[in-house]
Amino acid sequence: MDSGFYSQILDNLTTAVLVLDPELRLQFISPAAEALLDLSEARSLGSPLEELLPDQLDFISQQYREALPEGPY
C-alpha cells in the first residue's frame, strides 16, 4: 500500500495523532489533534513538544520514557 493510503486513514481518524521525531519535534499532526489541541499544522510542524504543550510536558515525558525505556532522550 502506498503512503497516500495511510495519509488518508490518518486524516480521517477521530483520534488525535501526533508523530514526533527523536528530539520530540512535531512531524505530523492529524486534523483531530489540531482541533483537540487548538494547534495549526502549518504553524506547529517542526516545533518542539515543550512549546506546543507546555502544561502537559511532565506527563508526556513520563509516558515517552515508559514506552521507550532505551531512549532516545
C-alpha atoms as a PDB file:
ATOM      1  CA  MET A   1       0.000   0.000   0.000  1.00  0.00           C
ATOM      2  CA  ASP A   2       1.220   3.477  -0.779  1.00  0.00           C
ATOM      3  CA  SER A   3       1.732   6.339   1.655  1.00  0.00           C
ATOM      4  CA  GLY A   4      -1.342   8.141   0.294  1.00  0.00           C
ATOM      5  CA  PHE A   5      -3.488   5.332   1.654  1.00  0.00           C
ATOM      6  CA  TYR A   6      -2.030   5.741   5.142  1.00  0.00           C
ATOM      7  CA  SER A   7      -2.303   9.527   4.968  1.00  0.00           C
ATOM      8  CA  GLN A   8      -5.968   9.232   4.079  1.00  0.00           C
ATOM      9  CA  ILE A   9      -6.570   6.958   7.073  1.00  0.00           C
ATOM     10  CA  LEU A  10      -4.741   9.291   9.471  1.00  0.00           C
ATOM     11  CA  ASP A  11      -6.511  12.357   8.096  1.00  0.00           C
ATOM     12  CA  ASN A  12      -9.919  10.787   8.702  1.00  0.00           C
ATOM     13  CA  LEU A  13      -9.385   9.369  12.190  1.00  0.00           C
ATOM     14  CA  THR A  14     -11.383  10.913  15.011  1.00  0.00           C
ATOM     15  CA  THR A  15      -8.491  10.060  17.332  1.00  0.00           C
ATOM     16  CA  ALA A  16      -5.804  12.694  17.849  1.00  0.00           C
ATOM     17  CA  VAL A  17      -2.444  11.548  16.433  1.00  0.00           C
ATOM     18  CA  LEU A  18       0.893  13.284  16.898  1.00  0.00           C
ATOM     19  CA  VAL A  19       4.102  11.942  15.353  1.00  0.00           C
ATOM     20  CA  LEU A  20       7.338  13.147  16.928  1.00  0.00           C
ATOM     21  CA  ASP A  21      10.962  12.735  15.923  1.00  0.00           C
ATOM     22  CA  PRO A  22      13.619  11.560  18.425  1.00  0.00           C
ATOM     23  CA  GLU A  23      14.124  15.160  19.581  1.00  0.00           C
ATOM     24  CA  LEU A  24      10.363  15.406  20.332  1.00  0.00           C
ATOM     25  CA  ARG A  25       9.686  17.788  17.447  1.00  0.00           C
ATOM     26  CA  LEU A  26       6.309  17.523  15.753  1.00  0.00           C
ATOM     27  CA  GLN A  27       6.475  15.765  12.384  1.00  0.00           C
ATOM     28  CA  PHE A  28       2.755  15.079  11.836  1.00  0.00           C
ATOM     29  CA  ILE A  29      -0.495  16.179  13.450  1.00  0.00           C
ATOM     30  CA  SER A  30      -3.870  14.757  12.497  1.00  0.00           C
ATOM     31  CA  PRO A  31      -6.858  17.028  11.929  1.00  0.00           C
ATOM     32  CA  ALA A  32      -8.446  15.612  15.092  1.00  0.00           C
ATOM     33  CA  ALA A  33      -5.340  16.570  17.100  1.00  0.00           C
ATOM     34  CA  GLU A  34      -5.362  20.044  15.574  1.00  0.00           C
ATOM     35  CA  ALA A  35      -8.956  20.530  16.727  1.00  0.00           C
ATOM     36  CA  LEU A  36      -8.462  18.984  20.178  1.00  0.00           C
ATOM     37  CA  LEU A  37      -5.246  20.849  20.970  1.00  0.00           C
ATOM     38  CA  ASP A  38      -6.114  24.054  19.102  1.00  0.00           C
ATOM     39  CA  LEU A  39      -2.938  23.819  17.022  1.00  0.00           C
ATOM     40  CA  SER A  40      -2.285  24.556  13.369  1.00  0.00           C
ATOM     41  CA  GLU A  41      -0.290  22.064  11.322  1.00  0.00           C
ATOM     42  CA  ALA A  42       1.236  24.868   9.272  1.00  0.00           C
ATOM     43  CA  ARG A  43       2.482  26.718  12.362  1.00  0.00           C
ATOM     44  CA  SER A  44       3.415  23.763  14.560  1.00  0.00           C
ATOM     45  CA  LEU A  45       5.294  21.288  12.331  1.00  0.00           C
ATOM     46  CA  GLY A  46       8.910  21.080  13.418  1.00  0.00           C
ATOM     47  CA  SER A  47       8.189  22.719  16.762  1.00  0.00           C
ATOM     48  CA  PRO A  48       9.391  21.129  19.996  1.00  0.00           C
ATOM     49  CA  LEU A  49       6.688  19.440  22.023  1.00  0.00           C
ATOM     50  CA  GLU A  50       7.564  21.595  25.033  1.00  0.00           C
ATOM     51  CA  GLU A  51       6.481  24.684  23.069  1.00  0.00           C
ATOM     52  CA  LEU A  52       3.249  23.133  21.847  1.00  0.00           C
ATOM     53  CA  LEU A  53       2.039  21.528  25.085  1.00  0.00           C
ATOM     54  CA  PRO A  54       3.982  23.124  27.946  1.00  0.00           C
ATOM     55  CA  ASP A  55       1.385  22.230  30.580  1.00  0.00           C
ATOM     56  CA  GLN A  56       1.494  18.551  29.625  1.00  0.00           C
ATOM     57  CA  LEU A  57       5.253  18.113  29.260  1.00  0.00           C
ATOM     58  CA  ASP A  58       5.886  16.227  32.515  1.00  0.00           C
ATOM     59  CA  PHE A  59       3.104  13.733  31.792  1.00  0.00           C
ATOM     60  CA  ILE A  60       4.177  13.255  28.175  1.00  0.00           C
ATOM     61  CA  SER A  61       7.840  12.808  29.123  1.00  0.00           C
ATOM     62  CA  GLN A  62       6.897  10.141  31.659  1.00  0.00           C
ATOM     63  CA  GLN A  63       4.769   8.283  29.097  1.00  0.00           C
ATOM     64  CA  TYR A  64       7.520   8.550  26.490  1.00  0.00           C
ATOM     65  CA  ARG A  65      10.134   7.114  28.860  1.00  0.00           C
ATOM     66  CA  GLU A  66       7.842   4.230  29.820  1.00  0.00           C
ATOM     67  CA  ALA A  67       7.102   3.440  26.173  1.00  0.00           C
ATOM     68  CA  LEU A  68      10.747   3.721  25.072  1.00  0.00           C
ATOM     69  CA  PRO A  69      12.909   2.847  28.082  1.00  0.00           C
ATOM     70  CA  GLU A  70      16.042   2.648  25.927  1.00  0.00           C
ATOM     71  CA  GLY A  71      15.714   6.257  24.697  1.00  0.00           C
ATOM     72  CA  PRO A  72      16.424   8.376  22.790  1.00  0.00           C
ATOM     73  CA  TYR A  73      16.087  11.387  25.074  1.00  0.00           C
END
